[in-house]
C-alpha atoms as a PDB file:
ATOM      1  CA  MET A   1      82.664  84.493  66.534  1.00  0.00           C
ATOM      2  CA  GLN A   2      82.939  81.370  68.656  1.00  0.00           C
ATOM      3  CA  THR A   3      79.794  79.538  69.587  1.00  0.00           C
ATOM      4  CA  LYS A   4      78.945  78.845  73.221  1.00  0.00           C
ATOM      5  CA  GLU A   5      79.362  75.131  72.538  1.00  0.00           C
ATOM      6  CA  ARG A   6      82.831  75.621  71.064  1.00  0.00           C
ATOM      7  CA  VAL A   7      83.970  77.689  74.048  1.00  0.00           C
ATOM      8  CA  THR A   8      82.608  75.033  76.385  1.00  0.00           C
ATOM      9  CA  ASP A   9      84.425  72.287  74.478  1.00  0.00           C
ATOM     10  CA  GLN A  10      87.706  74.226  74.623  1.00  0.00           C
ATOM     11  CA  ALA A  11      87.331  74.781  78.348  1.00  0.00           C
ATOM     12  CA  ALA A  12      86.593  71.099  78.891  1.00  0.00           C
ATOM     13  CA  THR A  13      89.647  70.089  76.854  1.00  0.00           C
ATOM     14  CA  ALA A  14      91.873  72.506  78.772  1.00  0.00           C
ATOM     15  CA  GLY A  15      90.490  71.240  82.063  1.00  0.00           C
ATOM     16  CA  PHE A  16      91.101  67.626  81.069  1.00  0.00           C
ATOM     17  CA  THR A  17      94.672  68.396  80.032  1.00  0.00           C
ATOM     18  CA  TRP A  18      95.316  70.277  83.262  1.00  0.00           C
ATOM     19  CA  GLY A  19      93.873  67.471  85.380  1.00  0.00           C
ATOM     20  CA  TYR A  20      95.741  64.777  83.468  1.00  0.00           C
ATOM     21  CA  GLU A  21      99.112  66.512  83.742  1.00  0.00           C
ATOM     22  CA  ASN A  22      98.714  67.322  87.416  1.00  0.00           C
ATOM     23  CA  GLY A  23      97.396  63.846  88.154  1.00  0.00           C
ATOM     24  CA  LEU A  24     100.513  62.327  86.604  1.00  0.00           C
ATOM     25  CA  ARG A  25     102.731  64.551  88.701  1.00  0.00           C
ATOM     26  CA  ASP A  26     100.845  63.979  91.963  1.00  0.00           C
ATOM     27  CA  GLY A  27     100.683  60.217  91.490  1.00  0.00           C
ATOM     28  CA  ALA A  28     104.362  59.894  90.644  1.00  0.00           C
ATOM     29  CA  CYS A  29     105.366  62.055  93.623  1.00  0.00           C
ATOM     30  CA  GLU A  30     103.196  60.033  96.003  1.00  0.00           C
ATOM     31  CA  TYR A  31     104.747  56.802  94.740  1.00  0.00           C
ATOM     32  CA  LEU A  32     108.298  58.096  95.294  1.00  0.00           C
ATOM     33  CA  VAL A  33     107.549  59.408  98.783  1.00  0.00           C
ATOM     34  CA  ARG A  34     106.036  56.071  99.823  1.00  0.00           C
ATOM     35  CA  GLN A  35     108.798  53.977  98.286  1.00  0.00           C
ATOM     36  CA  LEU A  36     111.640  56.027  99.726  1.00  0.00           C
ATOM     37  CA  GLN A  37     110.604  56.240 103.367  1.00  0.00           C
ATOM     38  CA  PRO A  38     113.915  55.628 105.192  1.00  0.00           C
ATOM     39  CA  ALA A  39     114.280  53.119 107.989  1.00  0.00           C
ATOM     40  CA  ALA A  40     114.800  54.696 111.403  1.00  0.00           C
ATOM     41  CA  PRO A  41     118.549  54.866 112.164  1.00  0.00           C
ATOM     42  CA  ALA A  42     120.035  53.203 115.225  1.00  0.00           C
ATOM     43  CA  LYS A  43     120.219  55.834 117.965  1.00  0.00           C
ATOM     44  CA  ARG A  44     123.616  56.968 119.225  1.00  0.00           C
ATOM     45  CA  ASN A  45     124.257  56.760 122.955  1.00  0.00           C
ATOM     46  CA  CYS A  46     124.618  60.510 123.224  1.00  0.00           C
ATOM     47  CA  SER A  47     122.650  63.452 124.611  1.00  0.00           C
ATOM     48  CA  VAL A  48     122.534  66.747 122.680  1.00  0.00           C
ATOM     49  CA  LEU A  49     121.372  70.226 123.631  1.00  0.00           C
ATOM     50  CA  TYR A  50     120.244  72.039 120.469  1.00  0.00           C
ATOM     51  CA  VAL A  51     120.127  75.834 120.284  1.00  0.00           C
ATOM     52  CA  PRO A  52     118.019  77.068 117.336  1.00  0.00           C
ATOM     53  CA  GLN A  53     118.632  80.161 115.244  1.00  0.00           C
ATOM     54  CA  GLY A  54     114.977  80.865 114.540  1.00  0.00           C
ATOM     55  CA  PHE A  55     115.129  79.597 110.954  1.00  0.00           C
ATOM     56  CA  GLU A  56     111.837  77.730 111.042  1.00  0.00           C
ATOM     57  CA  ALA A  57     112.454  75.637 107.934  1.00  0.00           C
ATOM     58  CA  ILE A  58     115.830  74.435 109.252  1.00  0.00           C
ATOM     59  CA  ASP A  59     115.393  74.276 113.028  1.00  0.00           C
ATOM     60  CA  GLN A  60     112.397  71.946 113.059  1.00  0.00           C
ATOM     61  CA  GLY A  61     114.039  69.593 110.599  1.00  0.00           C
ATOM     62  CA  VAL A  62     117.197  69.429 112.709  1.00  0.00           C
ATOM     63  CA  ILE A  63     115.284  68.878 115.953  1.00  0.00           C
ATOM     64  CA  GLU A  64     113.226  66.006 114.531  1.00  0.00           C
ATOM     65  CA  ALA A  65     116.324  64.446 112.965  1.00  0.00           C
ATOM     66  CA  LEU A  66     118.188  64.698 116.279  1.00  0.00           C
ATOM     67  CA  ARG A  67     115.358  62.836 118.005  1.00  0.00           C
ATOM     68  CA  LEU A  68     115.867  59.994 115.547  1.00  0.00           C
ATOM     69  CA  THR A  69     119.652  60.076 115.840  1.00  0.00           C
ATOM     70  CA  VAL A  70     120.601  60.344 119.543  1.00  0.00           C
ATOM     71  CA  ARG A  71     119.403  59.049 122.894  1.00  0.00           C
ATOM     72  CA  GLU A  72     118.314  62.384 124.383  1.00  0.00           C
ATOM     73  CA  VAL A  73     117.558  65.772 122.831  1.00  0.00           C
ATOM     74  CA  TYR A  74     117.029  69.060 124.651  1.00  0.00           C
ATOM     75  CA  VAL A  75     116.223  72.423 123.073  1.00  0.00           C
ATOM     76  CA  ALA A  76     117.285  75.727 124.652  1.00  0.00           C
ATOM     77  CA  GLU A  77     116.672  79.369 123.827  1.00  0.00           C
ATOM     78  CA  PRO A  78     119.880  81.232 122.878  1.00  0.00           C
ATOM     79  CA  ALA A  79     119.636  83.520 125.917  1.00  0.00           C
ATOM     80  CA  ARG A  80     119.534  80.533 128.310  1.00  0.00           C
ATOM     81  CA  MET A  81     121.819  77.987 126.691  1.00  0.00           C
ATOM     82  CA  ALA A  82     124.479  78.017 129.421  1.00  0.00           C
ATOM     83  CA  GLU A  83     121.827  77.719 132.138  1.00  0.00           C
ATOM     84  CA  GLN A  84     120.161  74.803 130.371  1.00  0.00           C
ATOM     85  CA  ALA A  85     123.465  73.093 129.699  1.00  0.00           C
ATOM     86  CA  SER A  86     124.369  73.244 133.395  1.00  0.00           C
ATOM     87  CA  LEU A  87     121.007  71.677 134.289  1.00  0.00           C
ATOM     88  CA  VAL A  88     120.824  68.799 131.794  1.00  0.00           C
ATOM     89  CA  ARG A  89     124.587  68.225 131.295  1.00  0.00           C
ATOM     90  CA  PRO A  90     124.462  66.978 127.677  1.00  0.00           C
ATOM     91  CA  ASP A  91     127.399  65.363 125.938  1.00  0.00           C
ATOM     92  CA  TRP A  92     127.250  67.989 123.176  1.00  0.00           C
ATOM     93  CA  MET A  93     125.706  71.384 122.558  1.00  0.00           C
ATOM     94  CA  LEU A  94     124.877  71.996 118.882  1.00  0.00           C
ATOM     95  CA  VAL A  95     124.161  75.597 117.884  1.00  0.00           C
ATOM     96  CA  LEU A  96     122.690  76.717 114.584  1.00  0.00           C
ATOM     97  CA  ASN A  97     124.381  79.811 113.153  1.00  0.00           C
ATOM     98  CA  GLY A  98     124.800  81.812 116.399  1.00  0.00           C
ATOM     99  CA  LEU A  99     123.597  85.088 114.852  1.00  0.00           C
ATOM    100  CA  HIS A 100     120.734  87.602 114.857  1.00  0.00           C
ATOM    101  CA  VAL A 101     118.712  86.383 117.858  1.00  0.00           C
ATOM    102  CA  PHE A 102     121.698  85.409 119.996  1.00  0.00           C
ATOM    103  CA  PRO A 103     122.408  87.600 123.058  1.00  0.00           C
ATOM    104  CA  ALA A 104     125.369  89.915 123.576  1.00  0.00           C
ATOM    105  CA  ASP A 105     126.932  87.388 125.984  1.00  0.00           C
ATOM    106  CA  HIS A 106     126.641  84.543 123.475  1.00  0.00           C
ATOM    107  CA  LEU A 107     130.354  83.716 123.447  1.00  0.00           C
ATOM    108  CA  GLU A 108     130.707  84.012 127.225  1.00  0.00           C
ATOM    109  CA  GLN A 109     127.904  81.453 127.510  1.00  0.00           C
ATOM    110  CA  VAL A 110     129.758  79.138 125.140  1.00  0.00           C
ATOM    111  CA  ASP A 111     132.863  79.467 127.315  1.00  0.00           C
ATOM    112  CA  ALA A 112     130.781  78.589 130.379  1.00  0.00           C
ATOM    113  CA  VAL A 113     129.358  75.498 128.669  1.00  0.00           C
ATOM    114  CA  ARG A 114     132.811  74.324 127.644  1.00  0.00           C
ATOM    115  CA  SER A 115     134.096  74.847 131.190  1.00  0.00           C
ATOM    116  CA  LEU A 116     131.593  72.181 132.284  1.00  0.00           C
ATOM    117  CA  GLY A 117     133.300  69.640 130.039  1.00  0.00           C
ATOM    118  CA  ILE A 118     130.490  69.758 127.497  1.00  0.00           C
ATOM    119  CA  ARG A 119     131.620  69.669 123.878  1.00  0.00           C
ATOM    120  CA  THR A 120     130.272  72.395 121.600  1.00  0.00           C
ATOM    121  CA  ALA A 121     129.643  72.622 117.857  1.00  0.00           C
ATOM    122  CA  ILE A 122     128.242  75.385 115.672  1.00  0.00           C
ATOM    123  CA  TRP A 123     126.672  74.849 112.240  1.00  0.00           C
ATOM    124  CA  PHE A 124     126.874  77.975 110.099  1.00  0.00           C
ATOM    125  CA  ALA A 125     123.957  78.345 107.672  1.00  0.00           C
ATOM    126  CA  ASP A 126     124.638  81.892 106.393  1.00  0.00           C
ATOM    127  CA  ASP A 127     128.191  81.517 105.079  1.00  0.00           C
ATOM    128  CA  PRO A 128     129.887  83.390 103.479  1.00  0.00           C
ATOM    129  CA  TYR A 129     127.568  86.378 103.783  1.00  0.00           C
ATOM    130  CA  VAL A 130     128.290  87.221 107.439  1.00  0.00           C
ATOM    131  CA  THR A 131     131.994  86.474 107.861  1.00  0.00           C
ATOM    132  CA  ALA A 132     132.359  89.827 109.661  1.00  0.00           C
ATOM    133  CA  ASP A 133     130.743  88.034 112.606  1.00  0.00           C
ATOM    134  CA  THR A 134     131.367  84.325 112.111  1.00  0.00           C
ATOM    135  CA  MET A 135     135.155  84.628 111.966  1.00  0.00           C
ATOM    136  CA  TYR A 136     135.063  85.750 115.616  1.00  0.00           C
ATOM    137  CA  ILE A 137     132.360  83.303 116.721  1.00  0.00           C
ATOM    138  CA  ALA A 138     133.866  80.128 115.267  1.00  0.00           C
ATOM    139  CA  PRO A 139     137.075  79.878 117.378  1.00  0.00           C
ATOM    140  CA  ARG A 140     135.057  79.761 120.605  1.00  0.00           C
ATOM    141  CA  TYR A 141     133.548  76.376 119.686  1.00  0.00           C
ATOM    142  CA  ASP A 142     135.148  72.925 119.767  1.00  0.00           C
ATOM    143  CA  ALA A 143     133.897  72.093 116.268  1.00  0.00           C
ATOM    144  CA  VAL A 144     132.730  74.203 113.342  1.00  0.00           C
ATOM    145  CA  LEU A 145     130.378  72.907 110.667  1.00  0.00           C
ATOM    146  CA  THR A 146     129.811  75.029 107.580  1.00  0.00           C
ATOM    147  CA  HIS A 147     127.817  74.494 104.409  1.00  0.00           C
ATOM    148  CA  GLU A 148     130.139  76.819 102.439  1.00  0.00           C
ATOM    149  CA  LEU A 149     133.357  75.511 100.909  1.00  0.00           C
ATOM    150  CA  SER A 150     134.989  78.934 100.685  1.00  0.00           C
ATOM    151  CA  THR A 151     135.019  79.488 104.456  1.00  0.00           C
ATOM    152  CA  ILE A 152     136.750  76.266 105.520  1.00  0.00           C
ATOM    153  CA  GLN A 153     140.324  77.524 105.179  1.00  0.00           C
ATOM    154  CA  MET A 154     139.413  80.859 106.781  1.00  0.00           C
ATOM    155  CA  TYR A 155     138.122  79.147 109.927  1.00  0.00           C
ATOM    156  CA  ARG A 156     141.235  76.981 110.120  1.00  0.00           C
ATOM    157  CA  GLU A 157     143.425  80.054 109.815  1.00  0.00           C
ATOM    158  CA  ARG A 158     141.438  81.648 112.658  1.00  0.00           C
ATOM    159  CA  GLY A 159     142.557  78.796 114.925  1.00  0.00           C
ATOM    160  CA  CYS A 160     139.556  76.448 114.787  1.00  0.00           C
ATOM    161  CA  ALA A 161     140.792  72.964 115.588  1.00  0.00           C
ATOM    162  CA  LYS A 162     138.010  71.042 113.852  1.00  0.00           C
ATOM    163  CA  VAL A 163     136.312  72.448 110.748  1.00  0.00           C
ATOM    164  CA  VAL A 164     133.926  70.252 108.767  1.00  0.00           C
ATOM    165  CA  TYR A 165     132.228  70.889 105.440  1.00  0.00           C
ATOM    166  CA  MET A 166     128.596  69.984 106.154  1.00  0.00           C
ATOM    167  CA  PRO A 167     125.907  70.883 103.615  1.00  0.00           C
ATOM    168  CA  LEU A 168     122.414  71.745 104.727  1.00  0.00           C
ATOM    169  CA  ALA A 169     119.387  69.632 103.818  1.00  0.00           C
ATOM    170  CA  VAL A 170     115.574  69.612 103.900  1.00  0.00           C
ATOM    171  CA  ASP A 171     112.824  68.761 106.355  1.00  0.00           C
ATOM    172  CA  GLN A 172     111.002  66.312 104.075  1.00  0.00           C
ATOM    173  CA  MET A 173     108.043  66.092 106.444  1.00  0.00           C
ATOM    174  CA  ARG A 174     107.321  69.760 105.745  1.00  0.00           C
ATOM    175  CA  PHE A 175     108.685  70.379 102.256  1.00  0.00           C
ATOM    176  CA  LYS A 176     106.882  67.702 100.285  1.00  0.00           C
ATOM    177  CA  PRO A 177     104.685  67.225  97.230  1.00  0.00           C
ATOM    178  CA  MET A 178     101.041  68.151  97.703  1.00  0.00           C
ATOM    179  CA  THR A 179      97.982  69.084  95.658  1.00  0.00           C
ATOM    180  CA  VAL A 180      97.230  72.788  95.971  1.00  0.00           C
ATOM    181  CA  GLU A 181      94.426  75.161  95.084  1.00  0.00           C
ATOM    182  CA  GLU A 182      94.380  77.146  91.868  1.00  0.00           C
ATOM    183  CA  LYS A 183      95.435  80.343  93.661  1.00  0.00           C
ATOM    184  CA  TYR A 184      98.861  78.799  94.288  1.00  0.00           C
ATOM    185  CA  ARG A 185      99.466  77.802  90.671  1.00  0.00           C
ATOM    186  CA  SER A 186     101.902  79.632  88.439  1.00  0.00           C
ATOM    187  CA  ASP A 187     104.190  79.060  85.475  1.00  0.00           C
ATOM    188  CA  ILE A 188     107.178  80.657  87.194  1.00  0.00           C
ATOM    189  CA  CYS A 189     107.795  81.266  90.901  1.00  0.00           C
ATOM    190  CA  PHE A 190     110.514  82.965  92.912  1.00  0.00           C
ATOM    191  CA  ILE A 191     110.471  83.481  96.680  1.00  0.00           C
ATOM    192  CA  GLY A 192     113.202  85.472  98.371  1.00  0.00           C
ATOM    193  CA  GLN A 193     114.621  88.863  99.192  1.00  0.00           C
ATOM    194  CA  ALA A 194     115.404  91.208  96.293  1.00  0.00           C
ATOM    195  CA  PHE A 195     119.178  91.338  96.662  1.00  0.00           C
ATOM    196  CA  TRP A 196     120.773  93.460  93.958  1.00  0.00           C
ATOM    197  CA  ASN A 197     121.915  90.588  91.735  1.00  0.00           C
ATOM    198  CA  ARG A 198     118.350  89.252  91.774  1.00  0.00           C
ATOM    199  CA  VAL A 199     116.993  92.682  90.888  1.00  0.00           C
ATOM    200  CA  GLU A 200     119.309  92.843  87.876  1.00  0.00           C
ATOM    201  CA  MET A 201     118.327  89.350  86.719  1.00  0.00           C
ATOM    202  CA  PHE A 202     114.586  89.883  87.027  1.00  0.00           C
ATOM    203  CA  ASP A 203     114.801  93.266  85.328  1.00  0.00           C
ATOM    204  CA  ALA A 204     116.600  91.541  82.454  1.00  0.00           C
ATOM    205  CA  ILE A 205     113.886  88.881  81.975  1.00  0.00           C
ATOM    206  CA  ALA A 206     110.928  91.158  82.773  1.00  0.00           C
ATOM    207  CA  PRO A 207     109.692  91.315  79.142  1.00  0.00           C
ATOM    208  CA  TYR A 208     109.381  87.520  79.140  1.00  0.00           C
ATOM    209  CA  LEU A 209     107.837  87.303  82.612  1.00  0.00           C
ATOM    210  CA  LYS A 210     105.029  89.641  81.512  1.00  0.00           C
ATOM    211  CA  THR A 211     103.859  86.945  79.078  1.00  0.00           C
ATOM    212  CA  ARG A 212     103.538  84.263  81.767  1.00  0.00           C
ATOM    213  CA  LYS A 213     101.686  83.581  85.002  1.00  0.00           C
ATOM    214  CA  VAL A 214     104.269  84.564  87.609  1.00  0.00           C
ATOM    215  CA  PHE A 215     104.469  84.661  91.408  1.00  0.00           C
ATOM    216  CA  ILE A 216     107.238  86.565  93.204  1.00  0.00           C
ATOM    217  CA  ALA A 217     107.369  87.096  96.975  1.00  0.00           C
ATOM    218  CA  GLY A 218     109.801  88.846  99.294  1.00  0.00           C
ATOM    219  CA  GLY A 219     111.076  92.229 100.374  1.00  0.00           C
ATOM    220  CA  LEU A 220     112.702  95.075  98.430  1.00  0.00           C
ATOM    221  CA  TRP A 221     111.270  94.168  95.024  1.00  0.00           C
ATOM    222  CA  ASP A 222     110.357  97.800  94.473  1.00  0.00           C
ATOM    223  CA  ARG A 223     114.081  98.263  93.730  1.00  0.00           C
ATOM    224  CA  MET A 224     113.448  96.931  90.215  1.00  0.00           C
ATOM    225  CA  ARG A 225     113.249  99.294  87.266  1.00  0.00           C
ATOM    226  CA  SER A 226     110.418  97.107  86.000  1.00  0.00           C
ATOM    227  CA  PHE A 227     108.552  97.006  89.327  1.00  0.00           C
ATOM    228  CA  LYS A 228     105.451  98.770  87.983  1.00  0.00           C
ATOM    229  CA  GLU A 229     105.252  96.387  85.033  1.00  0.00           C
ATOM    230  CA  LEU A 230     105.543  93.290  87.248  1.00  0.00           C
ATOM    231  CA  LYS A 231     103.793  94.629  90.339  1.00  0.00           C
ATOM    232  CA  ARG A 232     100.691  92.495  89.733  1.00  0.00           C
ATOM    233  CA  PHE A 233     102.867  89.373  90.158  1.00  0.00           C
ATOM    234  CA  ILE A 234     104.619  90.468  93.363  1.00  0.00           C
ATOM    235  CA  ARG A 235     103.653  89.865  96.974  1.00  0.00           C
ATOM    236  CA  MET A 236     105.804  92.223  99.004  1.00  0.00           C
ATOM    237  CA  GLY A 237     107.156  91.126 102.385  1.00  0.00           C
ATOM    238  CA  TRP A 238     107.934  87.889 104.159  1.00  0.00           C
ATOM    239  CA  LEU A 239     105.961  84.808 103.133  1.00  0.00           C
ATOM    240  CA  PRO A 240     105.224  82.157 105.794  1.00  0.00           C
ATOM    241  CA  VAL A 241     106.995  78.850 105.239  1.00  0.00           C
ATOM    242  CA  GLU A 242     103.769  76.891 104.738  1.00  0.00           C
ATOM    243  CA  GLU A 243     102.659  79.350 102.066  1.00  0.00           C
ATOM    244  CA  SER A 244     106.031  79.066 100.330  1.00  0.00           C
ATOM    245  CA  ILE A 245     105.639  75.293 100.196  1.00  0.00           C
ATOM    246  CA  ARG A 246     102.228  75.608  98.551  1.00  0.00           C
ATOM    247  CA  HIS A 247     103.571  78.030  95.971  1.00  0.00           C
ATOM    248  CA  TYR A 248     106.508  75.714  95.223  1.00  0.00           C
ATOM    249  CA  ASN A 249     104.040  72.891  94.665  1.00  0.00           C
ATOM    250  CA  GLY A 250     101.786  75.003  92.489  1.00  0.00           C
ATOM    251  CA  ALA A 251     104.560  76.273  90.226  1.00  0.00           C
ATOM    252  CA  ARG A 252     105.630  74.619  87.015  1.00  0.00           C
ATOM    253  CA  ILE A 253     109.132  76.062  87.477  1.00  0.00           C
ATOM    254  CA  VAL A 254     110.767  77.641  90.539  1.00  0.00           C
ATOM    255  CA  ILE A 255     113.802  79.891  90.045  1.00  0.00           C
ATOM    256  CA  ASN A 256     116.580  79.688  92.623  1.00  0.00           C
ATOM    257  CA  LEU A 257     119.074  82.538  92.365  1.00  0.00           C
ATOM    258  CA  HIS A 258     121.729  82.721  95.099  1.00  0.00           C
ATOM    259  CA  ARG A 259     122.384  86.106  96.622  1.00  0.00           C
ATOM    260  CA  THR A 260     125.487  88.065  95.677  1.00  0.00           C
ATOM    261  CA  THR A 261     128.610  87.641  97.798  1.00  0.00           C
ATOM    262  CA  GLU A 262     129.989  91.052  96.814  1.00  0.00           C
ATOM    263  CA  THR A 263     131.053  92.974  99.911  1.00  0.00           C
ATOM    264  CA  GLY A 264     128.629  95.725 100.855  1.00  0.00           C
ATOM    265  CA  LYS A 265     125.829  94.534  98.582  1.00  0.00           C
ATOM    266  CA  ASP A 266     123.318  93.404 101.211  1.00  0.00           C
ATOM    267  CA  ASN A 267     125.865  91.310 103.101  1.00  0.00           C
ATOM    268  CA  LYS A 268     128.720  91.413 105.621  1.00  0.00           C
ATOM    269  CA  ASN A 269     131.163  89.298 103.637  1.00  0.00           C
ATOM    270  CA  VAL A 270     134.098  91.489 104.674  1.00  0.00           C
ATOM    271  CA  LEU A 271     136.665  88.941 103.490  1.00  0.00           C
ATOM    272  CA  GLY A 272     135.215  88.873  99.985  1.00  0.00           C
ATOM    273  CA  LEU A 273     134.906  85.089  99.947  1.00  0.00           C
ATOM    274  CA  PRO A 274     133.158  83.581  96.914  1.00  0.00           C
ATOM    275  CA  GLY A 275     129.933  81.587  97.063  1.00  0.00           C
ATOM    276  CA  ARG A 276     130.864  78.041  96.085  1.00  0.00           C
ATOM    277  CA  SER A 277     128.082  76.057  97.755  1.00  0.00           C
ATOM    278  CA  ILE A 278     124.330  75.723  97.285  1.00  0.00           C
ATOM    279  CA  ASN A 279     121.703  77.225  99.572  1.00  0.00           C
ATOM    280  CA  PRO A 280     119.023  75.333 101.556  1.00  0.00           C
ATOM    281  CA  ARG A 281     116.369  76.496  99.082  1.00  0.00           C
ATOM    282  CA  THR A 282     117.947  74.117  96.538  1.00  0.00           C
ATOM    283  CA  TYR A 283     116.892  71.108  98.611  1.00  0.00           C
ATOM    284  CA  GLU A 284     113.531  72.608  99.635  1.00  0.00           C
ATOM    285  CA  ILE A 285     112.328  73.246  96.088  1.00  0.00           C
ATOM    286  CA  ALA A 286     113.457  69.818  94.900  1.00  0.00           C
ATOM    287  CA  ALA A 287     111.666  68.152  97.827  1.00  0.00           C
ATOM    288  CA  CYS A 288     108.364  69.575  96.566  1.00  0.00           C
ATOM    289  CA  GLY A 289     108.689  67.687  93.272  1.00  0.00           C
ATOM    290  CA  THR A 290     108.966  70.880  91.228  1.00  0.00           C
ATOM    291  CA  LEU A 291     111.445  71.669  88.479  1.00  0.00           C
ATOM    292  CA  GLN A 292     114.109  74.082  89.650  1.00  0.00           C
ATOM    293  CA  LEU A 293     116.231  76.438  87.576  1.00  0.00           C
ATOM    294  CA  THR A 294     119.235  77.532  89.625  1.00  0.00           C
ATOM    295  CA  ASP A 295     122.383  79.527  89.003  1.00  0.00           C
ATOM    296  CA  ARG A 296     125.534  77.422  89.102  1.00  0.00           C
ATOM    297  CA  ARG A 297     127.572  76.843  92.223  1.00  0.00           C
ATOM    298  CA  GLU A 298     130.769  74.789  92.352  1.00  0.00           C
ATOM    299  CA  ASP A 299     129.505  72.035  94.644  1.00  0.00           C
ATOM    300  CA  LEU A 300     126.098  71.596  92.973  1.00  0.00           C
ATOM    301  CA  PRO A 301     127.149  68.500  90.930  1.00  0.00           C
ATOM    302  CA  HIS A 302     128.021  66.717  94.189  1.00  0.00           C
ATOM    303  CA  TYR A 303     124.363  66.891  95.233  1.00  0.00           C
ATOM    304  CA  TYR A 304     122.312  66.981  92.022  1.00  0.00           C
ATOM    305  CA  ARG A 305     123.086  66.093  88.410  1.00  0.00           C
ATOM    306  CA  PRO A 306     122.600  69.234  86.299  1.00  0.00           C
ATOM    307  CA  GLY A 307     120.376  68.526  83.327  1.00  0.00           C
ATOM    308  CA  ALA A 308     119.070  65.319  84.899  1.00  0.00           C
ATOM    309  CA  GLU A 309     117.890  66.124  88.449  1.00  0.00           C
ATOM    310  CA  ILE A 310     118.064  69.913  88.374  1.00  0.00           C
ATOM    311  CA  GLU A 311     118.505  72.543  85.670  1.00  0.00           C
ATOM    312  CA  THR A 312     120.934  75.459  85.690  1.00  0.00           C
ATOM    313  CA  PHE A 313     121.538  78.805  84.010  1.00  0.00           C
ATOM    314  CA  ALA A 314     124.504  81.175  83.729  1.00  0.00           C
ATOM    315  CA  ASP A 315     122.854  84.422  82.663  1.00  0.00           C
ATOM    316  CA  ALA A 316     119.532  86.056  81.840  1.00  0.00           C
ATOM    317  CA  GLU A 317     119.531  84.850  78.239  1.00  0.00           C
ATOM    318  CA  GLU A 318     119.989  81.218  79.235  1.00  0.00           C
ATOM    319  CA  LEU A 319     117.410  81.535  82.020  1.00  0.00           C
ATOM    320  CA  ARG A 320     114.791  82.933  79.633  1.00  0.00           C
ATOM    321  CA  ALA A 321     115.539  80.230  77.038  1.00  0.00           C
ATOM    322  CA  LYS A 322     115.256  77.396  79.556  1.00  0.00           C
ATOM    323  CA  LEU A 323     112.066  78.805  81.070  1.00  0.00           C
ATOM    324  CA  GLU A 324     110.505  78.789  77.625  1.00  0.00           C
ATOM    325  CA  TYR A 325     111.828  75.323  76.802  1.00  0.00           C
ATOM    326  CA  TYR A 326     110.552  73.573  79.912  1.00  0.00           C
ATOM    327  CA  LEU A 327     107.228  75.404  79.883  1.00  0.00           C
ATOM    328  CA  THR A 328     106.650  73.948  76.423  1.00  0.00           C
ATOM    329  CA  HIS A 329     108.083  70.461  77.073  1.00  0.00           C
ATOM    330  CA  GLU A 330     105.893  69.147  79.854  1.00  0.00           C
ATOM    331  CA  ASP A 331     107.105  65.543  79.918  1.00  0.00           C
ATOM    332  CA  GLU A 332     110.749  66.574  80.219  1.00  0.00           C
ATOM    333  CA  ARG A 333     109.925  69.131  82.902  1.00  0.00           C
ATOM    334  CA  ARG A 334     108.017  66.597  84.986  1.00  0.00           C
ATOM    335  CA  ALA A 335     110.614  63.825  84.594  1.00  0.00           C
ATOM    336  CA  LEU A 336     113.481  66.083  85.650  1.00  0.00           C
ATOM    337  CA  ALA A 337     111.542  67.321  88.678  1.00  0.00           C
ATOM    338  CA  LEU A 338     110.757  63.759  89.765  1.00  0.00           C
ATOM    339  CA  ARG A 339     114.414  62.732  89.527  1.00  0.00           C
ATOM    340  CA  GLY A 340     115.292  65.737  91.689  1.00  0.00           C
ATOM    341  CA  LEU A 341     112.692  64.679  94.250  1.00  0.00           C
ATOM    342  CA  ARG A 342     114.066  61.153  94.345  1.00  0.00           C
ATOM    343  CA  ARG A 343     117.643  62.332  94.872  1.00  0.00           C
ATOM    344  CA  THR A 344     116.537  64.641  97.679  1.00  0.00           C
ATOM    345  CA  LEU A 345     114.634  61.937  99.555  1.00  0.00           C
ATOM    346  CA  VAL A 346     117.553  59.517  99.310  1.00  0.00           C
ATOM    347  CA  ASP A 347     120.487  61.820 100.108  1.00  0.00           C
ATOM    348  CA  HIS A 348     119.447  65.232 101.401  1.00  0.00           C
ATOM    349  CA  THR A 349     117.105  64.954 104.375  1.00  0.00           C
ATOM    350  CA  TYR A 350     118.069  66.223 107.823  1.00  0.00           C
ATOM    351  CA  THR A 351     117.861  62.660 109.092  1.00  0.00           C
ATOM    352  CA  ARG A 352     120.606  61.747 106.654  1.00  0.00           C
ATOM    353  CA  ARG A 353     122.614  64.879 107.482  1.00  0.00           C
ATOM    354  CA  LEU A 354     122.463  64.333 111.257  1.00  0.00           C
ATOM    355  CA  GLN A 355     123.786  60.836 110.769  1.00  0.00           C
ATOM    356  CA  GLN A 356     126.744  62.378 108.957  1.00  0.00           C
ATOM    357  CA  ILE A 357     127.252  64.889 111.763  1.00  0.00           C
ATOM    358  CA  ALA A 358     127.094  62.098 114.327  1.00  0.00           C
ATOM    359  CA  GLU A 359     129.870  60.309 112.459  1.00  0.00           C
ATOM    360  CA  VAL A 360     132.237  63.257 112.143  1.00  0.00           C
ATOM    361  CA  LEU A 361     131.719  64.442 115.737  1.00  0.00           C
ATOM    362  CA  GLY A 362     131.940  60.947 117.200  1.00  0.00           C
ATOM    363  CA  TRP A 363     128.538  60.875 118.902  1.00  0.00           C
END
C-alpha cells in the first residue's frame, strides 16, 4: 500500500512534468508569434464590397485582411448585396460561397451588380461537396476562386471565363496558441460533423480511444456502433468557434479527417468529383501550435511538409500507430507542431491570401 507521502511525491512529480512540458510549448509558441508578425502590406487603390457566408471562422479573417489590403471595405448582408453595391459603387464585389444563407434571388442580384459595371468574384469554400449548386452559381460571376483542385476544369467547362485555384487560410488573430484550463486538455481531439467516413474511422480506432483522454464534438456521432462506449468523450452538437480554439490548444494531438466526397453520403457532389485539396481546419489546427494528424490530400505537400510540419495517415491502423507514437514521444510531437505553426504564420494567413487574390484579380 502506498504511503501518503509517496502519493504526494508522485503527484508533485507529475505536476512538475506537466508544467515543464506545457511551459516549453507555450514559450516556444509565444516566441514564434512575436517573431513572425508580418509587416502591414501596402494598400491597393481599390474598394471592395464583401458579402459573407456566415462562416464565422472564415468571414472575420477575410474582412480584417481586406481592411489591410485595399483602400475601402464594405460589408453587406446577402439579401441586400445589390442594394448596397448600388449605394457604395465598389470596384469589386467579393462573395464567400454564395450558399445556405443566400436568398432565392441571389443570382439576379449578381446580374444587377454586374450591370452597374462592378466586377464580381465568388470564393467557393465548400467544394466539391455542393457542386449540384455551385456549377450553376459560378458562371454568373466575373471571376471564380475555389480552394478545390478538382473543380477547376468543371467551372471552365461551364463557361466561367476566369477560374483561379485559391486555397483558404486562417485568421491568426483568432486561431492562435494560448494557455487553457484543465477542462480543455485532452490526449486526442476531434471537432466536426460525424460524416459516414468519420464514423467508420472512429469505430475502427474506438478500442484505442477508450484507453486515452479524448474529446470529440459535433453532430450525428450517435451513428457510431461504438457510441455507447465512447459517449463519455463526446459533446453532441455544434461547438462555438472560441471553444473549439481552446480545445485545439488543450489537445496533445488533433485529428483532421476530411469528409467523404462520395455522392449521396452527406453531400451534394453530383458530379462525383474527388477531394484533392485540404480543408480550412488544416490551417486552423496548425495555427494553434498543436500537432495535427490528417488524412492525405493531393495538394497538402504544397502547404505543409508531411512528417516535418504536419503528420498524415492513410487508414485506421496507421492513425492508431501514429497516435500512440506521438503521445509517447513528447519532444518530437512538440517540435513538429511548432514547425507547423511557423509555416502557417508565414504562408497561410488571410492577410497573405488576400494579397494573392489582389494580384490575380488586378486590384
